[in-house]
PDB file of all heavy atoms in Angstrom:
ATOM      1  N   ALA A   1     123.639  13.979  57.139  1.00  0.00           N
ATOM      2  CA  ALA A   1     123.700  12.613  56.619  1.00  0.00           C
ATOM      3  C   ALA A   1     122.546  12.342  55.667  1.00  0.00           C
ATOM      4  O   ALA A   1     122.708  11.675  54.642  1.00  0.00           O
ATOM      5  CB  ALA A   1     123.698  11.596  57.780  1.00  0.00           C
ATOM      6  N   ALA A   2     121.365  12.856  55.993  1.00  0.00           N
ATOM      7  CA  ALA A   2     120.194  12.694  55.111  1.00  0.00           C
ATOM      8  C   ALA A   2     120.454  13.359  53.776  1.00  0.00           C
ATOM      9  O   ALA A   2     120.176  12.783  52.695  1.00  0.00           O
ATOM     10  CB  ALA A   2     118.942  13.247  55.763  1.00  0.00           C
ATOM     11  N   LEU A   3     121.004  14.590  53.795  1.00  0.00           N
ATOM     12  CA  LEU A   3     121.287  15.286  52.536  1.00  0.00           C
ATOM     13  C   LEU A   3     122.347  14.558  51.709  1.00  0.00           C
ATOM     14  O   LEU A   3     122.207  14.448  50.480  1.00  0.00           O
ATOM     15  CB  LEU A   3     121.738  16.719  52.810  1.00  0.00           C
ATOM     16  CG  LEU A   3     120.681  17.705  53.248  1.00  0.00           C
ATOM     17  CD1 LEU A   3     121.299  19.103  53.400  1.00  0.00           C
ATOM     18  CD2 LEU A   3     119.522  17.757  52.298  1.00  0.00           C
ATOM     19  N   ASN A   4     123.367  14.057  52.383  1.00  0.00           N
ATOM     20  CA  ASN A   4     124.413  13.310  51.659  1.00  0.00           C
ATOM     21  C   ASN A   4     123.839  12.070  51.001  1.00  0.00           C
ATOM     22  O   ASN A   4     124.140  11.775  49.826  1.00  0.00           O
ATOM     23  CB  ASN A   4     125.554  12.936  52.605  1.00  0.00           C
ATOM     24  CG  ASN A   4     126.410  14.109  52.983  1.00  0.00           C
ATOM     25  OD1 ASN A   4     126.474  15.111  52.272  1.00  0.00           O
ATOM     26  ND2 ASN A   4     127.078  14.006  54.118  1.00  0.00           N
ATOM     27  N   ARG A   5     123.015  11.357  51.739  1.00  0.00           N
ATOM     28  CA  ARG A   5     122.395  10.129  51.170  1.00  0.00           C
ATOM     29  C   ARG A   5     121.459  10.489  50.034  1.00  0.00           C
ATOM     30  O   ARG A   5     121.397   9.800  49.014  1.00  0.00           O
ATOM     31  CB  ARG A   5     121.684   9.323  52.274  1.00  0.00           C
ATOM     32  CG  ARG A   5     121.046   8.062  51.776  1.00  0.00           C
ATOM     33  CD  ARG A   5     122.055   7.063  51.221  1.00  0.00           C
ATOM     34  NE  ARG A   5     121.356   5.898  50.724  1.00  0.00           N
ATOM     35  CZ  ARG A   5     121.708   5.209  49.651  1.00  0.00           C
ATOM     36  NH1 ARG A   5     122.798   5.531  48.976  1.00  0.00           N
ATOM     37  NH2 ARG A   5     121.003   4.162  49.249  1.00  0.00           N
ATOM     38  N   LEU A   6     120.691  11.577  50.171  1.00  0.00           N
ATOM     39  CA  LEU A   6     119.821  12.009  49.077  1.00  0.00           C
ATOM     40  C   LEU A   6     120.616  12.311  47.825  1.00  0.00           C
ATOM     41  O   LEU A   6     120.212  11.931  46.712  1.00  0.00           O
ATOM     42  CB  LEU A   6     119.013  13.255  49.488  1.00  0.00           C
ATOM     43  CG  LEU A   6     117.774  12.997  50.326  1.00  0.00           C
ATOM     44  CD1 LEU A   6     117.266  14.297  50.935  1.00  0.00           C
ATOM     45  CD2 LEU A   6     116.682  12.352  49.501  1.00  0.00           C
ATOM     46  N   ASN A   7     121.764  12.955  47.969  1.00  0.00           N
ATOM     47  CA  ASN A   7     122.613  13.226  46.817  1.00  0.00           C
ATOM     48  C   ASN A   7     123.125  11.928  46.176  1.00  0.00           C
ATOM     49  O   ASN A   7     123.174  11.819  44.938  1.00  0.00           O
ATOM     50  CB  ASN A   7     123.783  14.114  47.209  1.00  0.00           C
ATOM     51  CG  ASN A   7     123.396  15.569  47.337  1.00  0.00           C
ATOM     52  OD1 ASN A   7     122.579  16.055  46.572  1.00  0.00           O
ATOM     53  ND2 ASN A   7     123.976  16.251  48.296  1.00  0.00           N
ATOM     54  N   GLU A   8     123.462  10.952  46.999  1.00  0.00           N
ATOM     55  CA  GLU A   8     123.892   9.647  46.471  1.00  0.00           C
ATOM     56  C   GLU A   8     122.757   8.978  45.681  1.00  0.00           C
ATOM     57  O   GLU A   8     122.981   8.439  44.600  1.00  0.00           O
ATOM     58  CB  GLU A   8     124.317   8.720  47.609  1.00  0.00           C
ATOM     59  CG  GLU A   8     125.592   9.109  48.306  1.00  0.00           C
ATOM     60  CD  GLU A   8     125.860   8.223  49.523  1.00  0.00           C
ATOM     61  OE1 GLU A   8     125.157   7.199  49.727  1.00  0.00           O
ATOM     62  OE2 GLU A   8     126.758   8.583  50.297  1.00  0.00           O
ATOM     63  N   ILE A   9     121.563   9.043  46.248  1.00  0.00           N
ATOM     64  CA  ILE A   9     120.409   8.424  45.610  1.00  0.00           C
ATOM     65  C   ILE A   9     120.128   9.073  44.266  1.00  0.00           C
ATOM     66  O   ILE A   9     119.924   8.381  43.250  1.00  0.00           O
ATOM     67  CB  ILE A   9     119.171   8.491  46.524  1.00  0.00           C
ATOM     68  CG1 ILE A   9     119.355   7.538  47.723  1.00  0.00           C
ATOM     69  CG2 ILE A   9     117.877   8.181  45.767  1.00  0.00           C
ATOM     70  CD1 ILE A   9     118.321   7.710  48.831  1.00  0.00           C
ATOM     71  N   VAL A  10     120.126  10.404  44.220  1.00  0.00           N
ATOM     72  CA  VAL A  10     119.876  11.109  42.958  1.00  0.00           C
ATOM     73  C   VAL A  10     120.934  10.730  41.932  1.00  0.00           C
ATOM     74  O   VAL A  10     120.637  10.439  40.759  1.00  0.00           O
ATOM     75  CB  VAL A  10     119.848  12.635  43.181  1.00  0.00           C
ATOM     76  CG1 VAL A  10     119.865  13.385  41.863  1.00  0.00           C
ATOM     77  CG2 VAL A  10     118.616  13.019  44.002  1.00  0.00           C
ATOM     78  N   GLY A  11     122.195  10.674  42.358  1.00  0.00           N
ATOM     79  CA  GLY A  11     123.270  10.299  41.447  1.00  0.00           C
ATOM     80  C   GLY A  11     123.080   8.905  40.882  1.00  0.00           C
ATOM     81  O   GLY A  11     123.299   8.678  39.689  1.00  0.00           O
ATOM     82  N   ARG A  12     122.689   7.980  41.736  1.00  0.00           N
ATOM     83  CA  ARG A  12     122.473   6.601  41.259  1.00  0.00           C
ATOM     84  C   ARG A  12     121.300   6.527  40.307  1.00  0.00           C
ATOM     85  O   ARG A  12     121.361   5.854  39.267  1.00  0.00           O
ATOM     86  CB  ARG A  12     122.250   5.656  42.435  1.00  0.00           C
ATOM     87  CG  ARG A  12     123.547   5.362  43.162  1.00  0.00           C
ATOM     88  CD  ARG A  12     123.425   4.158  44.064  1.00  0.00           C
ATOM     89  NE  ARG A  12     123.106   2.959  43.323  1.00  0.00           N
ATOM     90  CZ  ARG A  12     122.573   1.881  43.869  1.00  0.00           C
ATOM     91  NH1 ARG A  12     122.328   1.833  45.154  1.00  0.00           N
ATOM     92  NH2 ARG A  12     122.301   0.805  43.129  1.00  0.00           N
ATOM     93  N   ILE A  13     120.198   7.174  40.644  1.00  0.00           N
ATOM     94  CA  ILE A  13     119.012   7.101  39.790  1.00  0.00           C
ATOM     95  C   ILE A  13     119.291   7.774  38.432  1.00  0.00           C
ATOM     96  O   ILE A  13     118.886   7.239  37.393  1.00  0.00           O
ATOM     97  CB  ILE A  13     117.783   7.738  40.482  1.00  0.00           C
ATOM     98  CG1 ILE A  13     117.330   6.834  41.645  1.00  0.00           C
ATOM     99  CG2 ILE A  13     116.638   7.971  39.496  1.00  0.00           C
ATOM    100  CD1 ILE A  13     116.246   7.414  42.514  1.00  0.00           C
ATOM    101  N   GLU A  14     119.990   8.904  38.457  1.00  0.00           N
ATOM    102  CA  GLU A  14     120.281   9.617  37.199  1.00  0.00           C
ATOM    103  C   GLU A  14     121.383   8.953  36.407  1.00  0.00           C
ATOM    104  O   GLU A  14     121.369   9.003  35.181  1.00  0.00           O
ATOM    105  CB  GLU A  14     120.687  11.057  37.514  1.00  0.00           C
ATOM    106  CG  GLU A  14     119.558  11.937  37.959  1.00  0.00           C
ATOM    107  CD  GLU A  14     119.985  13.363  38.243  1.00  0.00           C
ATOM    108  OE1 GLU A  14     121.187  13.636  38.357  1.00  0.00           O
ATOM    109  OE2 GLU A  14     119.075  14.203  38.347  1.00  0.00           O
ATOM    110  N   GLY A  15     122.343   8.311  37.062  1.00  0.00           N
ATOM    111  CA  GLY A  15     123.536   7.852  36.365  1.00  0.00           C
ATOM    112  C   GLY A  15     123.605   6.386  36.055  1.00  0.00           C
ATOM    113  O   GLY A  15     124.406   5.986  35.247  1.00  0.00           O
ATOM    114  N   GLU A  16     122.810   5.596  36.704  1.00  0.00           N
ATOM    115  CA  GLU A  16     122.898   4.148  36.506  1.00  0.00           C
ATOM    116  C   GLU A  16     121.660   3.610  35.805  1.00  0.00           C
ATOM    117  O   GLU A  16     120.586   4.167  35.912  1.00  0.00           O
ATOM    118  CB  GLU A  16     123.042   3.431  37.858  1.00  0.00           C
ATOM    119  CG  GLU A  16     124.328   3.749  38.587  1.00  0.00           C
ATOM    120  CD  GLU A  16     124.450   2.989  39.909  1.00  0.00           C
ATOM    121  OE1 GLU A  16     123.881   1.888  40.022  1.00  0.00           O
ATOM    122  OE2 GLU A  16     125.096   3.515  40.807  1.00  0.00           O
ATOM    123  N   SER A  17     121.863   2.506  35.112  1.00  0.00           N
ATOM    124  CA  SER A  17     120.738   1.791  34.536  1.00  0.00           C
ATOM    125  C   SER A  17     120.272   0.774  35.574  1.00  0.00           C
ATOM    126  O   SER A  17     120.910  -0.269  35.726  1.00  0.00           O
ATOM    127  CB  SER A  17     121.177   1.113  33.244  1.00  0.00           C
ATOM    128  OG  SER A  17     120.101   0.381  32.706  1.00  0.00           O
ATOM    129  N   LEU A  18     119.229   1.132  36.286  1.00  0.00           N
ATOM    130  CA  LEU A  18     118.757   0.293  37.388  1.00  0.00           C
ATOM    131  C   LEU A  18     117.500  -0.470  37.007  1.00  0.00           C
ATOM    132  O   LEU A  18     116.717  -0.019  36.175  1.00  0.00           O
ATOM    133  CB  LEU A  18     118.454   1.178  38.611  1.00  0.00           C
ATOM    134  CG  LEU A  18     119.614   1.978  39.178  1.00  0.00           C
ATOM    135  CD1 LEU A  18     119.089   2.957  40.230  1.00  0.00           C
ATOM    136  CD2 LEU A  18     120.634   1.046  39.790  1.00  0.00           C
ATOM    137  N   GLU A  19     117.318  -1.599  37.650  1.00  0.00           N
ATOM    138  CA  GLU A  19     116.074  -2.337  37.523  1.00  0.00           C
ATOM    139  C   GLU A  19     114.964  -1.495  38.168  1.00  0.00           C
ATOM    140  O   GLU A  19     115.216  -0.683  39.058  1.00  0.00           O
ATOM    141  CB  GLU A  19     116.165  -3.680  38.246  1.00  0.00           C
ATOM    142  CG  GLU A  19     117.184  -4.624  37.688  1.00  0.00           C
ATOM    143  CD  GLU A  19     116.754  -5.212  36.353  1.00  0.00           C
ATOM    144  OE1 GLU A  19     115.529  -5.456  36.184  1.00  0.00           O
ATOM    145  OE2 GLU A  19     117.618  -5.412  35.501  1.00  0.00           O
ATOM    146  N   LEU A  20     113.741  -1.694  37.717  1.00  0.00           N
ATOM    147  CA  LEU A  20     112.610  -0.941  38.241  1.00  0.00           C
ATOM    148  C   LEU A  20     112.495  -1.065  39.762  1.00  0.00           C
ATOM    149  O   LEU A  20     112.316  -0.071  40.473  1.00  0.00           O
ATOM    150  CB  LEU A  20     111.302  -1.369  37.561  1.00  0.00           C
ATOM    151  CG  LEU A  20     110.041  -0.654  38.021  1.00  0.00           C
ATOM    152  CD1 LEU A  20     110.151   0.847  37.798  1.00  0.00           C
ATOM    153  CD2 LEU A  20     108.807  -1.230  37.345  1.00  0.00           C
ATOM    154  N   ASP A  21     112.620  -2.273  40.273  1.00  0.00           N
ATOM    155  CA  ASP A  21     112.517  -2.490  41.718  1.00  0.00           C
ATOM    156  C   ASP A  21     113.595  -1.725  42.487  1.00  0.00           C
ATOM    157  O   ASP A  21     113.315  -1.156  43.538  1.00  0.00           O
ATOM    158  CB  ASP A  21     112.600  -3.981  42.058  1.00  0.00           C
ATOM    159  CG  ASP A  21     111.348  -4.755  41.660  1.00  0.00           C
ATOM    160  OD1 ASP A  21     110.295  -4.115  41.445  1.00  0.00           O
ATOM    161  OD2 ASP A  21     111.421  -5.997  41.575  1.00  0.00           O
ATOM    162  N   ASP A  22     114.808  -1.702  41.949  1.00  0.00           N
ATOM    163  CA  ASP A  22     115.883  -0.967  42.594  1.00  0.00           C
ATOM    164  C   ASP A  22     115.611   0.546  42.564  1.00  0.00           C
ATOM    165  O   ASP A  22     115.833   1.235  43.550  1.00  0.00           O
ATOM    166  CB  ASP A  22     117.221  -1.265  41.918  1.00  0.00           C
ATOM    167  CG  ASP A  22     117.654  -2.704  42.102  1.00  0.00           C
ATOM    168  OD1 ASP A  22     117.244  -3.341  43.102  1.00  0.00           O
ATOM    169  OD2 ASP A  22     118.422  -3.206  41.248  1.00  0.00           O
ATOM    170  N   SER A  23     115.135   1.043  41.421  1.00  0.00           N
ATOM    171  CA  SER A  23     114.810   2.468  41.313  1.00  0.00           C
ATOM    172  C   SER A  23     113.704   2.848  42.294  1.00  0.00           C
ATOM    173  O   SER A  23     113.775   3.875  42.942  1.00  0.00           O
ATOM    174  CB  SER A  23     114.345   2.799  39.890  1.00  0.00           C
ATOM    175  OG  SER A  23     115.394   2.644  38.976  1.00  0.00           O
ATOM    176  N   LEU A  24     112.675   2.012  42.391  1.00  0.00           N
ATOM    177  CA  LEU A  24     111.578   2.295  43.322  1.00  0.00           C
ATOM    178  C   LEU A  24     112.051   2.269  44.775  1.00  0.00           C
ATOM    179  O   LEU A  24     111.659   3.119  45.584  1.00  0.00           O
ATOM    180  CB  LEU A  24     110.437   1.301  43.131  1.00  0.00           C
ATOM    181  CG  LEU A  24     109.560   1.535  41.903  1.00  0.00           C
ATOM    182  CD1 LEU A  24     108.570   0.381  41.729  1.00  0.00           C
ATOM    183  CD2 LEU A  24     108.829   2.853  42.015  1.00  0.00           C
ATOM    184  N   ALA A  25     112.915   1.322  45.112  1.00  0.00           N
ATOM    185  CA  ALA A  25     113.432   1.239  46.476  1.00  0.00           C
ATOM    186  C   ALA A  25     114.247   2.492  46.819  1.00  0.00           C
ATOM    187  O   ALA A  25     114.109   3.062  47.898  1.00  0.00           O
ATOM    188  CB  ALA A  25     114.284  -0.018  46.663  1.00  0.00           C
ATOM    189  N   LEU A  26     115.080   2.930  45.868  1.00  0.00           N
ATOM    190  CA  LEU A  26     115.857   4.153  46.099  1.00  0.00           C
ATOM    191  C   LEU A  26     114.949   5.369  46.202  1.00  0.00           C
ATOM    192  O   LEU A  26     115.147   6.258  47.032  1.00  0.00           O
ATOM    193  CB  LEU A  26     116.879   4.352  44.994  1.00  0.00           C
ATOM    194  CG  LEU A  26     118.080   3.438  45.033  1.00  0.00           C
ATOM    195  CD1 LEU A  26     118.906   3.584  43.736  1.00  0.00           C
ATOM    196  CD2 LEU A  26     118.950   3.740  46.243  1.00  0.00           C
ATOM    197  N   PHE A  27     113.924   5.421  45.342  1.00  0.00           N
ATOM    198  CA  PHE A  27     112.975   6.531  45.379  1.00  0.00           C
ATOM    199  C   PHE A  27     112.257   6.578  46.727  1.00  0.00           C
ATOM    200  O   PHE A  27     112.132   7.651  47.337  1.00  0.00           O
ATOM    201  CB  PHE A  27     111.988   6.425  44.225  1.00  0.00           C
ATOM    202  CG  PHE A  27     111.020   7.569  44.172  1.00  0.00           C
ATOM    203  CD1 PHE A  27     111.400   8.783  43.641  1.00  0.00           C
ATOM    204  CD2 PHE A  27     109.734   7.432  44.669  1.00  0.00           C
ATOM    205  CE1 PHE A  27     110.515   9.846  43.598  1.00  0.00           C
ATOM    206  CE2 PHE A  27     108.835   8.496  44.628  1.00  0.00           C
ATOM    207  CZ  PHE A  27     109.240   9.700  44.086  1.00  0.00           C
ATOM    208  N   GLU A  28     111.803   5.436  47.215  1.00  0.00           N
ATOM    209  CA  GLU A  28     111.129   5.365  48.506  1.00  0.00           C
ATOM    210  C   GLU A  28     112.050   5.838  49.623  1.00  0.00           C
ATOM    211  O   GLU A  28     111.646   6.586  50.519  1.00  0.00           O
ATOM    212  CB  GLU A  28     110.657   3.948  48.786  1.00  0.00           C
ATOM    213  CG  GLU A  28     109.456   3.524  47.979  1.00  0.00           C
ATOM    214  CD  GLU A  28     109.059   2.090  48.201  1.00  0.00           C
ATOM    215  OE1 GLU A  28     109.474   1.482  49.215  1.00  0.00           O
ATOM    216  OE2 GLU A  28     108.319   1.555  47.362  1.00  0.00           O
ATOM    217  N   GLU A  29     113.318   5.407  49.606  1.00  0.00           N
ATOM    218  CA  GLU A  29     114.269   5.846  50.613  1.00  0.00           C
ATOM    219  C   GLU A  29     114.474   7.368  50.522  1.00  0.00           C
ATOM    220  O   GLU A  29     114.531   8.054  51.544  1.00  0.00           O
ATOM    221  CB  GLU A  29     115.608   5.122  50.416  1.00  0.00           C
ATOM    222  CG  GLU A  29     116.633   5.525  51.459  1.00  0.00           C
ATOM    223  CD  GLU A  29     118.005   4.894  51.234  1.00  0.00           C
ATOM    224  OE1 GLU A  29     118.178   4.101  50.296  1.00  0.00           O
ATOM    225  OE2 GLU A  29     118.914   5.230  52.004  1.00  0.00           O
ATOM    226  N   GLY A  30     114.556   7.867  49.300  1.00  0.00           N
ATOM    227  CA  GLY A  30     114.716   9.302  49.092  1.00  0.00           C
ATOM    228  C   GLY A  30     113.555  10.108  49.646  1.00  0.00           C
ATOM    229  O   GLY A  30     113.738  11.144  50.289  1.00  0.00           O
ATOM    230  N   VAL A  31     112.344   9.640  49.418  1.00  0.00           N
ATOM    231  CA  VAL A  31     111.145  10.326  49.936  1.00  0.00           C
ATOM    232  C   VAL A  31     111.164  10.331  51.464  1.00  0.00           C
ATOM    233  O   VAL A  31     110.909  11.349  52.115  1.00  0.00           O
ATOM    234  CB  VAL A  31     109.855   9.690  49.393  1.00  0.00           C
ATOM    235  CG1 VAL A  31     108.639  10.215  50.130  1.00  0.00           C
ATOM    236  CG2 VAL A  31     109.729   9.953  47.906  1.00  0.00           C
ATOM    237  N   ARG A  32     111.527   9.198  52.058  1.00  0.00           N
ATOM    238  CA  ARG A  32     111.607   9.106  53.520  1.00  0.00           C
ATOM    239  C   ARG A  32     112.651  10.091  54.063  1.00  0.00           C
ATOM    240  O   ARG A  32     112.390  10.819  55.026  1.00  0.00           O
ATOM    241  CB  ARG A  32     111.958   7.688  53.950  1.00  0.00           C
ATOM    242  CG  ARG A  32     112.014   7.495  55.459  1.00  0.00           C
ATOM    243  CD  ARG A  32     112.442   6.099  55.842  1.00  0.00           C
ATOM    244  NE  ARG A  32     113.716   5.674  55.292  1.00  0.00           N
ATOM    245  CZ  ARG A  32     114.914   6.071  55.742  1.00  0.00           C
ATOM    246  NH1 ARG A  32     115.009   6.885  56.758  1.00  0.00           N
ATOM    247  NH2 ARG A  32     116.021   5.633  55.169  1.00  0.00           N
ATOM    248  N   LEU A  33     113.811  10.133  53.425  1.00  0.00           N
ATOM    249  CA  LEU A  33     114.872  11.053  53.871  1.00  0.00           C
ATOM    250  C   LEU A  33     114.471  12.507  53.679  1.00  0.00           C
ATOM    251  O   LEU A  33     114.771  13.351  54.523  1.00  0.00           O
ATOM    252  CB  LEU A  33     116.173  10.740  53.108  1.00  0.00           C
ATOM    253  CG  LEU A  33     116.875   9.459  53.492  1.00  0.00           C
ATOM    254  CD1 LEU A  33     117.945   9.112  52.474  1.00  0.00           C
ATOM    255  CD2 LEU A  33     117.466   9.560  54.897  1.00  0.00           C
ATOM    256  N   LEU A  34     113.815  12.802  52.578  1.00  0.00           N
ATOM    257  CA  LEU A  34     113.357  14.170  52.316  1.00  0.00           C
ATOM    258  C   LEU A  34     112.348  14.620  53.381  1.00  0.00           C
ATOM    259  O   LEU A  34     112.472  15.723  53.910  1.00  0.00           O
ATOM    260  CB  LEU A  34     112.742  14.265  50.924  1.00  0.00           C
ATOM    261  CG  LEU A  34     112.252  15.643  50.504  1.00  0.00           C
ATOM    262  CD1 LEU A  34     113.403  16.649  50.514  1.00  0.00           C
ATOM    263  CD2 LEU A  34     111.598  15.577  49.146  1.00  0.00           C
ATOM    264  N   ARG A  35     111.429  13.755  53.714  1.00  0.00           N
ATOM    265  CA  ARG A  35     110.437  14.093  54.759  1.00  0.00           C
ATOM    266  C   ARG A  35     111.135  14.308  56.106  1.00  0.00           C
ATOM    267  O   ARG A  35     110.790  15.210  56.855  1.00  0.00           O
ATOM    268  CB  ARG A  35     109.381  13.018  54.856  1.00  0.00           C
ATOM    269  CG  ARG A  35     108.432  13.032  53.667  1.00  0.00           C
ATOM    270  CD  ARG A  35     107.382  11.979  53.771  1.00  0.00           C
ATOM    271  NE  ARG A  35     106.504  12.060  52.617  1.00  0.00           N
ATOM    272  CZ  ARG A  35     105.840  11.065  52.101  1.00  0.00           C
ATOM    273  NH1 ARG A  35     105.925   9.845  52.667  1.00  0.00           N
ATOM    274  NH2 ARG A  35     105.063  11.208  51.060  1.00  0.00           N
ATOM    275  N   HIS A  36     112.109  13.459  56.396  1.00  0.00           N
ATOM    276  CA  HIS A  36     112.869  13.607  57.643  1.00  0.00           C
ATOM    277  C   HIS A  36     113.598  14.951  57.668  1.00  0.00           C
ATOM    278  O   HIS A  36     113.541  15.686  58.653  1.00  0.00           O
ATOM    279  CB  HIS A  36     113.854  12.449  57.806  1.00  0.00           C
ATOM    280  CG  HIS A  36     114.825  12.650  58.927  1.00  0.00           C
ATOM    281  ND1 HIS A  36     114.452  12.571  60.240  1.00  0.00           N
ATOM    282  CD2 HIS A  36     116.138  12.952  58.912  1.00  0.00           C
ATOM    283  CE1 HIS A  36     115.509  12.812  61.010  1.00  0.00           C
ATOM    284  NE2 HIS A  36     116.552  13.046  60.223  1.00  0.00           N
ATOM    285  N   ALA A  37     114.289  15.290  56.554  1.00  0.00           N
ATOM    286  CA  ALA A  37     115.047  16.540  56.489  1.00  0.00           C
ATOM    287  C   ALA A  37     114.127  17.746  56.615  1.00  0.00           C
ATOM    288  O   ALA A  37     114.443  18.715  57.301  1.00  0.00           O
ATOM    289  CB  ALA A  37     115.846  16.597  55.182  1.00  0.00           C
ATOM    290  N   GLU A  38     112.953  17.678  55.988  1.00  0.00           N
ATOM    291  CA  GLU A  38     111.969  18.766  56.104  1.00  0.00           C
ATOM    292  C   GLU A  38     111.507  18.922  57.560  1.00  0.00           C
ATOM    293  O   GLU A  38     111.359  20.041  58.055  1.00  0.00           O
ATOM    294  CB  GLU A  38     110.758  18.512  55.202  1.00  0.00           C
ATOM    295  CG  GLU A  38     111.043  18.736  53.736  1.00  0.00           C
ATOM    296  CD  GLU A  38     109.868  18.365  52.844  1.00  0.00           C
ATOM    297  OE1 GLU A  38     108.993  17.558  53.253  1.00  0.00           O
ATOM    298  OE2 GLU A  38     109.819  18.891  51.727  1.00  0.00           O
ATOM    299  N   GLY A  39     111.311  17.802  58.238  1.00  0.00           N
ATOM    300  CA  GLY A  39     110.919  17.844  59.638  1.00  0.00           C
ATOM    301  C   GLY A  39     111.976  18.474  60.519  1.00  0.00           C
ATOM    302  O   GLY A  39     111.691  19.255  61.428  1.00  0.00           O
ATOM    303  N   VAL A  40     113.251  18.142  60.231  1.00  0.00           N
ATOM    304  CA  VAL A  40     114.356  18.729  60.990  1.00  0.00           C
ATOM    305  C   VAL A  40     114.394  20.242  60.771  1.00  0.00           C
ATOM    306  O   VAL A  40     114.550  21.006  61.713  1.00  0.00           O
ATOM    307  CB  VAL A  40     115.697  18.078  60.580  1.00  0.00           C
ATOM    308  CG1 VAL A  40     116.872  18.840  61.189  1.00  0.00           C
ATOM    309  CG2 VAL A  40     115.732  16.615  61.004  1.00  0.00           C
ATOM    310  N   LEU A  41     114.205  20.682  59.517  1.00  0.00           N
ATOM    311  CA  LEU A  41     114.210  22.131  59.227  1.00  0.00           C
ATOM    312  C   LEU A  41     113.046  22.832  59.900  1.00  0.00           C
ATOM    313  O   LEU A  41     113.200  23.927  60.436  1.00  0.00           O
ATOM    314  CB  LEU A  41     114.168  22.356  57.699  1.00  0.00           C
ATOM    315  CG  LEU A  41     115.440  22.065  56.949  1.00  0.00           C
ATOM    316  CD1 LEU A  41     115.219  22.242  55.460  1.00  0.00           C
ATOM    317  CD2 LEU A  41     116.576  22.945  57.435  1.00  0.00           C
ATOM    318  N   GLU A  42     111.859  22.201  59.891  1.00  0.00           N
ATOM    319  CA  GLU A  42     110.710  22.798  60.546  1.00  0.00           C
ATOM    320  C   GLU A  42     110.944  22.923  62.048  1.00  0.00           C
ATOM    321  O   GLU A  42     110.591  23.937  62.660  1.00  0.00           O
ATOM    322  CB  GLU A  42     109.452  21.986  60.266  1.00  0.00           C
ATOM    323  CG  GLU A  42     108.939  22.123  58.853  1.00  0.00           C
ATOM    324  CD  GLU A  42     107.801  21.183  58.519  1.00  0.00           C
ATOM    325  OE1 GLU A  42     107.287  20.501  59.439  1.00  0.00           O
ATOM    326  OE2 GLU A  42     107.413  21.135  57.347  1.00  0.00           O
ATOM    327  N   GLY A  43     111.566  21.893  62.647  1.00  0.00           N
ATOM    328  CA  GLY A  43     111.888  21.949  64.064  1.00  0.00           C
ATOM    329  C   GLY A  43     112.881  23.058  64.387  1.00  0.00           C
ATOM    330  O   GLY A  43     112.741  23.771  65.388  1.00  0.00           O
ATOM    331  N   ALA A  44     113.880  23.212  63.529  1.00  0.00           N
ATOM    332  CA  ALA A  44     114.873  24.266  63.728  1.00  0.00           C
ATOM    333  C   ALA A  44     114.221  25.637  63.608  1.00  0.00           C
ATOM    334  O   ALA A  44     114.508  26.539  64.398  1.00  0.00           O
ATOM    335  CB  ALA A  44     116.016  24.121  62.727  1.00  0.00           C
TER     336      ALA A  44
END
């Protein structure tokens, strides 16, 4: 689910003309998800 959401976020940031606040919010969510996914991989 984290990887799927990360792909959605990248698609939105790359494909849409977003307000700065929206881009930053998506970026922050992406960083959180990336750290979570890295933690899951390290645990595995």
